[in-house]
Amino acid sequence: MGDENRNELHLNLLVRDIRNVHRYYHLRSVEIPVQFSNGRVVYEFIETLLLLRNLLITNLSLLYHGTVTSSQRLKEGSTTVTTPRDDYP
């Protein structure tokens, strides 16, 4: 009966694969111990926060080190379309 009042943290992940398809993953849901809770609830919450920290570190590293590669790939795959000057008013 008290479950509807629980505070929960939902950890979801959105990943774009090699084919540029986005995939959504639900990793876990844990109760946020906003008041005295049993040890298992606190343990799962801290474990989830550490997992979130690791995901952020990994993503920041990928963004930092992947910038040159992805921008180069965009340049290689881009096309330029020009319009003759006669078409301008």
C-alpha atoms as a PDB file:
ATOM      1  CA  MET A   1       0.000   0.000   0.000  1.00  0.00           C
ATOM      2  CA  GLY A   2       2.899   2.397   0.689  1.00  0.00           C
ATOM      3  CA  ASP A   3       4.658   1.536  -2.579  1.00  0.00           C
ATOM      4  CA  GLU A   4       3.072   4.433  -4.486  1.00  0.00           C
ATOM      5  CA  ASN A   5       4.860   6.929  -2.194  1.00  0.00           C
ATOM      6  CA  ARG A   6       8.340   5.463  -2.600  1.00  0.00           C
ATOM      7  CA  ASN A   7      11.044   7.612  -4.115  1.00  0.00           C
ATOM      8  CA  GLU A   8      12.842   5.724  -6.837  1.00  0.00           C
ATOM      9  CA  LEU A   9      15.801   6.291  -9.098  1.00  0.00           C
ATOM     10  CA  HIS A  10      15.455   4.771 -12.566  1.00  0.00           C
ATOM     11  CA  LEU A  11      18.717   4.334 -14.447  1.00  0.00           C
ATOM     12  CA  ASN A  12      18.148   4.121 -18.204  1.00  0.00           C
ATOM     13  CA  LEU A  13      20.652   4.236 -21.013  1.00  0.00           C
ATOM     14  CA  LEU A  14      20.260   5.433 -24.595  1.00  0.00           C
ATOM     15  CA  VAL A  15      22.901   3.998 -26.932  1.00  0.00           C
ATOM     16  CA  ARG A  16      23.457   4.660 -30.635  1.00  0.00           C
ATOM     17  CA  ASP A  17      24.924   1.622 -32.319  1.00  0.00           C
ATOM     18  CA  ILE A  18      27.240   1.364 -35.316  1.00  0.00           C
ATOM     19  CA  ARG A  19      24.265   1.513 -37.729  1.00  0.00           C
ATOM     20  CA  ASN A  20      23.067   4.763 -36.136  1.00  0.00           C
ATOM     21  CA  VAL A  21      20.109   3.012 -34.474  1.00  0.00           C
ATOM     22  CA  HIS A  22      19.201   4.261 -31.010  1.00  0.00           C
ATOM     23  CA  ARG A  23      18.520   1.626 -28.398  1.00  0.00           C
ATOM     24  CA  TYR A  24      16.987   2.261 -24.984  1.00  0.00           C
ATOM     25  CA  TYR A  25      17.985   0.072 -22.051  1.00  0.00           C
ATOM     26  CA  HIS A  26      16.544   0.044 -18.551  1.00  0.00           C
ATOM     27  CA  LEU A  27      19.466  -0.873 -16.305  1.00  0.00           C
ATOM     28  CA  ARG A  28      17.814  -0.789 -12.916  1.00  0.00           C
ATOM     29  CA  SER A  29      15.440   0.942 -10.520  1.00  0.00           C
ATOM     30  CA  VAL A  30      16.292   1.468  -6.881  1.00  0.00           C
ATOM     31  CA  GLU A  31      14.619   3.079  -3.918  1.00  0.00           C
ATOM     32  CA  ILE A  32      16.179   6.363  -2.803  1.00  0.00           C
ATOM     33  CA  PRO A  33      16.717   6.127   0.953  1.00  0.00           C
ATOM     34  CA  VAL A  34      15.372   9.548   2.008  1.00  0.00           C
ATOM     35  CA  GLN A  35      14.995   8.382   5.582  1.00  0.00           C
ATOM     36  CA  PHE A  36      16.311   5.540   7.684  1.00  0.00           C
ATOM     37  CA  SER A  37      16.200   2.406   5.541  1.00  0.00           C
ATOM     38  CA  ASN A  38      17.509  -1.089   5.789  1.00  0.00           C
ATOM     39  CA  GLY A  39      21.072  -1.743   4.700  1.00  0.00           C
ATOM     40  CA  ARG A  40      20.112  -3.480   1.463  1.00  0.00           C
ATOM     41  CA  VAL A  41      18.241  -0.405   0.138  1.00  0.00           C
ATOM     42  CA  VAL A  42      21.188   1.870   0.936  1.00  0.00           C
ATOM     43  CA  TYR A  43      23.648  -0.602  -0.616  1.00  0.00           C
ATOM     44  CA  GLU A  44      21.658  -0.847  -3.875  1.00  0.00           C
ATOM     45  CA  PHE A  45      21.304   2.940  -4.044  1.00  0.00           C
ATOM     46  CA  ILE A  46      25.055   3.518  -3.601  1.00  0.00           C
ATOM     47  CA  GLU A  47      25.829   0.762  -6.112  1.00  0.00           C
ATOM     48  CA  THR A  48      23.550   2.466  -8.655  1.00  0.00           C
ATOM     49  CA  LEU A  49      25.172   5.860  -8.056  1.00  0.00           C
ATOM     50  CA  LEU A  50      28.590   4.304  -8.663  1.00  0.00           C
ATOM     51  CA  LEU A  51      27.336   2.711 -11.880  1.00  0.00           C
ATOM     52  CA  LEU A  52      25.975   6.086 -12.985  1.00  0.00           C
ATOM     53  CA  ARG A  53      29.337   7.692 -12.216  1.00  0.00           C
ATOM     54  CA  ASN A  54      31.143   5.088 -14.332  1.00  0.00           C
ATOM     55  CA  LEU A  55      28.723   5.621 -17.227  1.00  0.00           C
ATOM     56  CA  LEU A  56      29.311   9.374 -17.082  1.00  0.00           C
ATOM     57  CA  ILE A  57      33.088   8.954 -16.999  1.00  0.00           C
ATOM     58  CA  THR A  58      32.945   6.600 -19.982  1.00  0.00           C
ATOM     59  CA  ASN A  59      30.653   8.877 -21.991  1.00  0.00           C
ATOM     60  CA  LEU A  60      32.720  11.976 -21.261  1.00  0.00           C
ATOM     61  CA  SER A  61      35.850  10.126 -22.320  1.00  0.00           C
ATOM     62  CA  LEU A  62      34.180   8.959 -25.542  1.00  0.00           C
ATOM     63  CA  LEU A  63      33.007  12.494 -26.285  1.00  0.00           C
ATOM     64  CA  TYR A  64      36.452  13.925 -25.659  1.00  0.00           C
ATOM     65  CA  HIS A  65      38.376  11.328 -27.645  1.00  0.00           C
ATOM     66  CA  GLY A  66      35.733  10.772 -30.325  1.00  0.00           C
ATOM     67  CA  THR A  67      35.296  14.375 -31.430  1.00  0.00           C
ATOM     68  CA  VAL A  68      37.989  14.333 -34.111  1.00  0.00           C
ATOM     69  CA  THR A  69      36.915  10.969 -35.490  1.00  0.00           C
ATOM     70  CA  SER A  70      33.225  11.799 -35.715  1.00  0.00           C
ATOM     71  CA  SER A  71      33.800  15.237 -37.236  1.00  0.00           C
ATOM     72  CA  GLN A  72      36.155  13.718 -39.815  1.00  0.00           C
ATOM     73  CA  ARG A  73      33.539  11.092 -40.630  1.00  0.00           C
ATOM     74  CA  LEU A  74      30.913  13.810 -41.089  1.00  0.00           C
ATOM     75  CA  LYS A  75      33.201  15.644 -43.511  1.00  0.00           C
ATOM     76  CA  GLU A  76      33.848  12.504 -45.529  1.00  0.00           C
ATOM     77  CA  GLY A  77      30.176  11.571 -45.758  1.00  0.00           C
ATOM     78  CA  SER A  78      28.842  15.061 -46.498  1.00  0.00           C
ATOM     79  CA  THR A  79      27.884  16.410 -49.877  1.00  0.00           C
ATOM     80  CA  THR A  80      27.613  19.993 -51.028  1.00  0.00           C
ATOM     81  CA  VAL A  81      24.861  21.193 -53.324  1.00  0.00           C
ATOM     82  CA  THR A  82      25.280  24.507 -55.115  1.00  0.00           C
ATOM     83  CA  THR A  83      22.664  26.574 -56.850  1.00  0.00           C
ATOM     84  CA  PRO A  84      23.485  28.628 -59.942  1.00  0.00           C
ATOM     85  CA  ARG A  85      23.605  32.374 -59.271  1.00  0.00           C
ATOM     86  CA  ASP A  86      20.866  32.942 -61.886  1.00  0.00           C
ATOM     87  CA  ASP A  87      18.285  31.397 -59.514  1.00  0.00           C
ATOM     88  CA  TYR A  88      18.756  34.084 -56.858  1.00  0.00           C
ATOM     89  CA  PRO A  89      16.368  37.081 -56.987  1.00  0.00           C
END
